Amino acid sequence: SVPKKSFKRAVRRNYLKRIIRESYRTQKGLLGGINADMLFIYEGRSICTYLQMKDTMAGILEKIASTASDVQA
């Protein structure tokens, strides 16, 4: 989700939503089969690149996976 308050132009909001979805799709293997509902909300004020988003998403998913494995153990 990308708030309209931060990005008035739909083109920019849609671009950010696309790179969020794609970075999640390519990195979801890091979760290791964890079934969970997730919602990502973009809170930045500037538009980041795909590589920045991919690195950030990898860090988030690794943190979720490690937390979930600690809870299951």
PDB file of N, CA and C in Angstrom:
ATOM      1  N   SER A   1       0.838  -1.163   0.000  1.00  0.00           N
ATOM      2  CA  SER A   1       0.000   0.000   0.000  1.00  0.00           C
ATOM      3  C   SER A   1       0.896   1.243   0.000  1.00  0.00           C
ATOM      4  N   VAL A   2       0.521   2.198  -0.786  1.00  0.00           N
ATOM      5  CA  VAL A   2       1.254   3.457  -0.859  1.00  0.00           C
ATOM      6  C   VAL A   2       0.239   4.577  -0.651  1.00  0.00           C
ATOM      7  N   PRO A   3       0.408   5.392   0.388  1.00  0.00           N
ATOM      8  CA  PRO A   3      -0.596   6.406   0.691  1.00  0.00           C
ATOM      9  C   PRO A   3      -0.673   7.538  -0.338  1.00  0.00           C
ATOM     10  N   LYS A   4      -1.875   7.932  -0.626  1.00  0.00           N
ATOM     11  CA  LYS A   4      -2.109   9.028  -1.566  1.00  0.00           C
ATOM     12  C   LYS A   4      -1.620  10.356  -0.988  1.00  0.00           C
ATOM     13  N   LYS A   5      -1.604  10.445   0.324  1.00  0.00           N
ATOM     14  CA  LYS A   5      -1.150  11.665   0.973  1.00  0.00           C
ATOM     15  C   LYS A   5       0.320  11.959   0.659  1.00  0.00           C
ATOM     16  N   SER A   6       1.120  10.901   0.549  1.00  0.00           N
ATOM     17  CA  SER A   6       2.550  11.073   0.280  1.00  0.00           C
ATOM     18  C   SER A   6       2.853  11.241  -1.199  1.00  0.00           C
ATOM     19  N   PHE A   7       2.092  10.519  -2.047  1.00  0.00           N
ATOM     20  CA  PHE A   7       2.328  10.545  -3.491  1.00  0.00           C
ATOM     21  C   PHE A   7       1.010  10.838  -4.197  1.00  0.00           C
ATOM     22  N   LYS A   8       0.839  12.065  -4.631  1.00  0.00           N
ATOM     23  CA  LYS A   8      -0.419  12.491  -5.255  1.00  0.00           C
ATOM     24  C   LYS A   8      -0.632  11.859  -6.621  1.00  0.00           C
ATOM     25  N   ARG A   9       0.436  11.674  -7.374  1.00  0.00           N
ATOM     26  CA  ARG A   9       0.324  11.132  -8.732  1.00  0.00           C
ATOM     27  C   ARG A   9       0.177   9.618  -8.703  1.00  0.00           C
ATOM     28  N   ALA A  10      -0.848   9.120  -9.380  1.00  0.00           N
ATOM     29  CA  ALA A  10      -1.111   7.683  -9.415  1.00  0.00           C
ATOM     30  C   ALA A  10       0.032   6.918 -10.074  1.00  0.00           C
ATOM     31  N   VAL A  11       0.714   7.548 -11.013  1.00  0.00           N
ATOM     32  CA  VAL A  11       1.822   6.889 -11.700  1.00  0.00           C
ATOM     33  C   VAL A  11       2.912   6.518 -10.701  1.00  0.00           C
ATOM     34  N   ARG A  12       3.226   7.406  -9.803  1.00  0.00           N
ATOM     35  CA  ARG A  12       4.267   7.147  -8.799  1.00  0.00           C
ATOM     36  C   ARG A  12       3.811   6.100  -7.791  1.00  0.00           C
ATOM     37  N   ARG A  13       2.553   6.196  -7.351  1.00  0.00           N
ATOM     38  CA  ARG A  13       2.019   5.204  -6.412  1.00  0.00           C
ATOM     39  C   ARG A  13       2.033   3.814  -7.034  1.00  0.00           C
ATOM     40  N   ASN A  14       1.596   3.715  -8.269  1.00  0.00           N
ATOM     41  CA  ASN A  14       1.560   2.419  -8.948  1.00  0.00           C
ATOM     42  C   ASN A  14       2.954   1.853  -9.154  1.00  0.00           C
ATOM     43  N   TYR A  15       3.916   2.715  -9.475  1.00  0.00           N
ATOM     44  CA  TYR A  15       5.302   2.274  -9.635  1.00  0.00           C
ATOM     45  C   TYR A  15       5.812   1.669  -8.333  1.00  0.00           C
ATOM     46  N   LEU A  16       5.585   2.354  -7.232  1.00  0.00           N
ATOM     47  CA  LEU A  16       6.055   1.849  -5.942  1.00  0.00           C
ATOM     48  C   LEU A  16       5.358   0.539  -5.577  1.00  0.00           C
ATOM     49  N   LYS A  17       4.069   0.440  -5.846  1.00  0.00           N
ATOM     50  CA  LYS A  17       3.358  -0.805  -5.567  1.00  0.00           C
ATOM     51  C   LYS A  17       3.911  -1.950  -6.407  1.00  0.00           C
ATOM     52  N   ARG A  18       4.254  -1.670  -7.650  1.00  0.00           N
ATOM     53  CA  ARG A  18       4.813  -2.709  -8.523  1.00  0.00           C
ATOM     54  C   ARG A  18       6.160  -3.194  -8.014  1.00  0.00           C
ATOM     55  N   ILE A  19       7.037  -2.276  -7.601  1.00  0.00           N
ATOM     56  CA  ILE A  19       8.351  -2.724  -7.137  1.00  0.00           C
ATOM     57  C   ILE A  19       8.247  -3.416  -5.773  1.00  0.00           C
ATOM     58  N   ILE A  20       7.281  -3.042  -4.943  1.00  0.00           N
ATOM     59  CA  ILE A  20       7.065  -3.757  -3.682  1.00  0.00           C
ATOM     60  C   ILE A  20       6.630  -5.189  -3.972  1.00  0.00           C
ATOM     61  N   ARG A  21       5.661  -5.343  -4.864  1.00  0.00           N
ATOM     62  CA  ARG A  21       5.165  -6.679  -5.209  1.00  0.00           C
ATOM     63  C   ARG A  21       6.259  -7.552  -5.821  1.00  0.00           C
ATOM     64  N   GLU A  22       7.024  -6.988  -6.725  1.00  0.00           N
ATOM     65  CA  GLU A  22       8.066  -7.758  -7.404  1.00  0.00           C
ATOM     66  C   GLU A  22       9.191  -8.125  -6.442  1.00  0.00           C
ATOM     67  N   SER A  23       9.578  -7.212  -5.561  1.00  0.00           N
ATOM     68  CA  SER A  23      10.645  -7.537  -4.618  1.00  0.00           C
ATOM     69  C   SER A  23      10.172  -8.601  -3.628  1.00  0.00           C
ATOM     70  N   TYR A  24       8.901  -8.588  -3.250  1.00  0.00           N
ATOM     71  CA  TYR A  24       8.376  -9.646  -2.395  1.00  0.00           C
ATOM     72  C   TYR A  24       8.354 -10.975  -3.143  1.00  0.00           C
ATOM     73  N   ARG A  25       7.894 -10.951  -4.386  1.00  0.00           N
ATOM     74  CA  ARG A  25       7.782 -12.176  -5.181  1.00  0.00           C
ATOM     75  C   ARG A  25       9.133 -12.864  -5.339  1.00  0.00           C
ATOM     76  N   THR A  26      10.177 -12.083  -5.581  1.00  0.00           N
ATOM     77  CA  THR A  26      11.500 -12.664  -5.787  1.00  0.00           C
ATOM     78  C   THR A  26      12.170 -13.094  -4.481  1.00  0.00           C
ATOM     79  N   GLN A  27      11.757 -12.556  -3.351  1.00  0.00           N
ATOM     80  CA  GLN A  27      12.406 -12.840  -2.074  1.00  0.00           C
ATOM     81  C   GLN A  27      11.575 -13.729  -1.144  1.00  0.00           C
ATOM     82  N   LYS A  28      10.367 -14.134  -1.524  1.00  0.00           N
ATOM     83  CA  LYS A  28       9.497 -14.866  -0.606  1.00  0.00           C
ATOM     84  C   LYS A  28      10.049 -16.229  -0.213  1.00  0.00           C
ATOM     85  N   GLY A  29      11.022 -16.730  -0.927  1.00  0.00           N
ATOM     86  CA  GLY A  29      11.673 -17.978  -0.552  1.00  0.00           C
ATOM     87  C   GLY A  29      12.410 -17.871   0.772  1.00  0.00           C
ATOM     88  N   LEU A  30      12.758 -16.677   1.188  1.00  0.00           N
ATOM     89  CA  LEU A  30      13.459 -16.472   2.458  1.00  0.00           C
ATOM     90  C   LEU A  30      12.585 -16.803   3.665  1.00  0.00           C
ATOM     91  N   LEU A  31      11.261 -16.839   3.461  1.00  0.00           N
ATOM     92  CA  LEU A  31      10.355 -17.133   4.568  1.00  0.00           C
ATOM     93  C   LEU A  31      10.391 -18.603   4.961  1.00  0.00           C
ATOM     94  N   GLY A  32      10.820 -19.461   4.063  1.00  0.00           N
ATOM     95  CA  GLY A  32      10.954 -20.872   4.391  1.00  0.00           C
ATOM     96  C   GLY A  32       9.635 -21.575   4.624  1.00  0.00           C
ATOM     97  N   GLY A  33       8.630 -21.257   3.848  1.00  0.00           N
ATOM     98  CA  GLY A  33       7.351 -21.961   3.950  1.00  0.00           C
ATOM     99  C   GLY A  33       6.438 -21.472   5.058  1.00  0.00           C
ATOM    100  N   ILE A  34       6.716 -20.330   5.627  1.00  0.00           N
ATOM    101  CA  ILE A  34       5.855 -19.769   6.664  1.00  0.00           C
ATOM    102  C   ILE A  34       4.579 -19.239   6.019  1.00  0.00           C
ATOM    103  N   ASN A  35       3.427 -19.657   6.550  1.00  0.00           N
ATOM    104  CA  ASN A  35       2.152 -19.162   6.044  1.00  0.00           C
ATOM    105  C   ASN A  35       1.682 -18.013   6.924  1.00  0.00           C
ATOM    106  N   ALA A  36       1.586 -16.834   6.340  1.00  0.00           N
ATOM    107  CA  ALA A  36       1.169 -15.660   7.100  1.00  0.00           C
ATOM    108  C   ALA A  36       0.587 -14.634   6.144  1.00  0.00           C
ATOM    109  N   ASP A  37      -0.326 -13.842   6.643  1.00  0.00           N
ATOM    110  CA  ASP A  37      -0.858 -12.718   5.878  1.00  0.00           C
ATOM    111  C   ASP A  37      -0.001 -11.502   6.196  1.00  0.00           C
ATOM    112  N   MET A  38       0.414 -10.792   5.152  1.00  0.00           N
ATOM    113  CA  MET A  38       1.286  -9.635   5.345  1.00  0.00           C
ATOM    114  C   MET A  38       0.755  -8.438   4.581  1.00  0.00           C
ATOM    115  N   LEU A  39       1.014  -7.285   5.118  1.00  0.00           N
ATOM    116  CA  LEU A  39       0.669  -6.032   4.457  1.00  0.00           C
ATOM    117  C   LEU A  39       1.878  -5.122   4.584  1.00  0.00           C
ATOM    118  N   PHE A  40       2.324  -4.608   3.458  1.00  0.00           N
ATOM    119  CA  PHE A  40       3.454  -3.687   3.445  1.00  0.00           C
ATOM    120  C   PHE A  40       2.935  -2.299   3.133  1.00  0.00           C
ATOM    121  N   ILE A  41       3.282  -1.330   3.981  1.00  0.00           N
ATOM    122  CA  ILE A  41       2.877   0.060   3.778  1.00  0.00           C
ATOM    123  C   ILE A  41       4.142   0.883   3.569  1.00  0.00           C
ATOM    124  N   TYR A  42       4.198   1.560   2.444  1.00  0.00           N
ATOM    125  CA  TYR A  42       5.362   2.379   2.100  1.00  0.00           C
ATOM    126  C   TYR A  42       5.218   3.714   2.813  1.00  0.00           C
ATOM    127  N   GLU A  43       6.171   4.040   3.692  1.00  0.00           N
ATOM    128  CA  GLU A  43       6.075   5.262   4.479  1.00  0.00           C
ATOM    129  C   GLU A  43       7.065   6.340   4.075  1.00  0.00           C
ATOM    130  N   GLY A  44       7.918   6.067   3.112  1.00  0.00           N
ATOM    131  CA  GLY A  44       8.916   7.040   2.698  1.00  0.00           C
ATOM    132  C   GLY A  44       8.306   8.212   1.951  1.00  0.00           C
ATOM    133  N   ARG A  45       9.043   9.270   1.846  1.00  0.00           N
ATOM    134  CA  ARG A  45       8.594  10.457   1.109  1.00  0.00           C
ATOM    135  C   ARG A  45       9.221  10.547  -0.269  1.00  0.00           C
ATOM    136  N   SER A  46      10.278   9.757  -0.489  1.00  0.00           N
ATOM    137  CA  SER A  46      10.939   9.785  -1.791  1.00  0.00           C
ATOM    138  C   SER A  46      10.788   8.417  -2.461  1.00  0.00           C
ATOM    139  N   ILE A  47      10.927   8.410  -3.760  1.00  0.00           N
ATOM    140  CA  ILE A  47      10.781   7.178  -4.521  1.00  0.00           C
ATOM    141  C   ILE A  47      12.126   6.457  -4.515  1.00  0.00           C
ATOM    142  N   CYS A  48      12.118   5.198  -4.059  1.00  0.00           N
ATOM    143  CA  CYS A  48      13.353   4.425  -4.042  1.00  0.00           C
ATOM    144  C   CYS A  48      13.439   3.559  -5.299  1.00  0.00           C
ATOM    145  N   THR A  49      14.612   3.052  -5.558  1.00  0.00           N
ATOM    146  CA  THR A  49      14.817   2.216  -6.734  1.00  0.00           C
ATOM    147  C   THR A  49      14.451   0.774  -6.402  1.00  0.00           C
ATOM    148  N   TYR A  50      14.372  -0.035  -7.438  1.00  0.00           N
ATOM    149  CA  TYR A  50      14.052  -1.457  -7.252  1.00  0.00           C
ATOM    150  C   TYR A  50      15.111  -2.155  -6.406  1.00  0.00           C
ATOM    151  N   LEU A  51      16.381  -1.853  -6.640  1.00  0.00           N
ATOM    152  CA  LEU A  51      17.451  -2.505  -5.880  1.00  0.00           C
ATOM    153  C   LEU A  51      17.399  -2.143  -4.399  1.00  0.00           C
ATOM    154  N   GLN A  52      17.085  -0.892  -4.098  1.00  0.00           N
ATOM    155  CA  GLN A  52      16.929  -0.494  -2.699  1.00  0.00           C
ATOM    156  C   GLN A  52      15.762  -1.233  -2.057  1.00  0.00           C
ATOM    157  N   MET A  53      14.652  -1.329  -2.789  1.00  0.00           N
ATOM    158  CA  MET A  53      13.473  -2.012  -2.270  1.00  0.00           C
ATOM    159  C   MET A  53      13.759  -3.501  -2.078  1.00  0.00           C
ATOM    160  N   LYS A  54      14.492  -4.106  -3.004  1.00  0.00           N
ATOM    161  CA  LYS A  54      14.816  -5.528  -2.916  1.00  0.00           C
ATOM    162  C   LYS A  54      15.668  -5.809  -1.686  1.00  0.00           C
ATOM    163  N   ASP A  55      16.662  -4.978  -1.425  1.00  0.00           N
ATOM    164  CA  ASP A  55      17.512  -5.146  -0.247  1.00  0.00           C
ATOM    165  C   ASP A  55      16.717  -4.970   1.040  1.00  0.00           C
ATOM    166  N   THR A  56      15.854  -3.973   1.068  1.00  0.00           N
ATOM    167  CA  THR A  56      15.022  -3.725   2.245  1.00  0.00           C
ATOM    168  C   THR A  56      14.065  -4.883   2.478  1.00  0.00           C
ATOM    169  N   MET A  57      13.435  -5.362   1.416  1.00  0.00           N
ATOM    170  CA  MET A  57      12.489  -6.477   1.524  1.00  0.00           C
ATOM    171  C   MET A  57      13.191  -7.737   2.016  1.00  0.00           C
ATOM    172  N   ALA A  58      14.404  -7.985   1.542  1.00  0.00           N
ATOM    173  CA  ALA A  58      15.163  -9.156   1.997  1.00  0.00           C
ATOM    174  C   ALA A  58      15.410  -9.078   3.499  1.00  0.00           C
ATOM    175  N   GLY A  59      15.782  -7.914   3.984  1.00  0.00           N
ATOM    176  CA  GLY A  59      16.010  -7.738   5.419  1.00  0.00           C
ATOM    177  C   GLY A  59      14.750  -7.952   6.237  1.00  0.00           C
ATOM    178  N   ILE A  60      13.635  -7.438   5.745  1.00  0.00           N
ATOM    179  CA  ILE A  60      12.357  -7.592   6.449  1.00  0.00           C
ATOM    180  C   ILE A  60      11.950  -9.053   6.503  1.00  0.00           C
ATOM    181  N   LEU A  61      12.040  -9.743   5.364  1.00  0.00           N
ATOM    182  CA  LEU A  61      11.610 -11.142   5.310  1.00  0.00           C
ATOM    183  C   LEU A  61      12.514 -12.043   6.142  1.00  0.00           C
ATOM    184  N   GLU A  62      13.806 -11.760   6.171  1.00  0.00           N
ATOM    185  CA  GLU A  62      14.715 -12.536   7.019  1.00  0.00           C
ATOM    186  C   GLU A  62      14.384 -12.339   8.494  1.00  0.00           C
ATOM    187  N   LYS A  63      14.055 -11.118   8.870  1.00  0.00           N
ATOM    188  CA  LYS A  63      13.691 -10.834  10.259  1.00  0.00           C
ATOM    189  C   LYS A  63      12.400 -11.557  10.636  1.00  0.00           C
ATOM    190  N   ILE A  64      11.419 -11.573   9.723  1.00  0.00           N
ATOM    191  CA  ILE A  64      10.166 -12.276   9.974  1.00  0.00           C
ATOM    192  C   ILE A  64      10.416 -13.777  10.115  1.00  0.00           C
ATOM    193  N   ALA A  65      11.242 -14.328   9.237  1.00  0.00           N
ATOM    194  CA  ALA A  65      11.542 -15.755   9.271  1.00  0.00           C
ATOM    195  C   ALA A  65      12.259 -16.149  10.563  1.00  0.00           C
ATOM    196  N   SER A  66      13.202 -15.328  11.001  1.00  0.00           N
ATOM    197  CA  SER A  66      13.929 -15.664  12.223  1.00  0.00           C
ATOM    198  C   SER A  66      13.019 -15.544  13.449  1.00  0.00           C
ATOM    199  N   THR A  67      12.136 -14.580  13.456  1.00  0.00           N
ATOM    200  CA  THR A  67      11.194 -14.424  14.561  1.00  0.00           C
ATOM    201  C   THR A  67      10.218 -15.592  14.594  1.00  0.00           C
ATOM    202  N   ALA A  68       9.737 -15.996  13.425  1.00  0.00           N
ATOM    203  CA  ALA A  68       8.788 -17.111  13.366  1.00  0.00           C
ATOM    204  C   ALA A  68       9.449 -18.419  13.775  1.00  0.00           C
ATOM    205  N   SER A  69      10.713 -18.611  13.411  1.00  0.00           N
ATOM    206  CA  SER A  69      11.390 -19.855  13.797  1.00  0.00           C
ATOM    207  C   SER A  69      11.658 -19.884  15.296  1.00  0.00           C
ATOM    208  N   ASP A  70      11.899 -18.730  15.915  1.00  0.00           N
ATOM    209  CA  ASP A  70      12.095 -18.662  17.354  1.00  0.00           C
ATOM    210  C   ASP A  70      10.792 -18.990  18.083  1.00  0.00           C
ATOM    211  N   VAL A  71       9.672 -18.549  17.551  1.00  0.00           N
ATOM    212  CA  VAL A  71       8.374 -18.796  18.176  1.00  0.00           C
ATOM    213  C   VAL A  71       8.000 -20.261  18.063  1.00  0.00           C
ATOM    214  N   GLN A  72       8.298 -20.884  16.906  1.00  0.00           N
ATOM    215  CA  GLN A  72       7.942 -22.285  16.700  1.00  0.00           C
ATOM    216  C   GLN A  72       8.812 -23.228  17.528  1.00  0.00           C
ATOM    217  N   ALA A  73      10.013 -22.826  17.841  1.00  0.00           N
ATOM    218  CA  ALA A  73      10.937 -23.707  18.575  1.00  0.00           C
ATOM    219  C   ALA A  73      10.653 -23.763  20.051  1.00  0.00           C
TER     220      ALA A  73
END
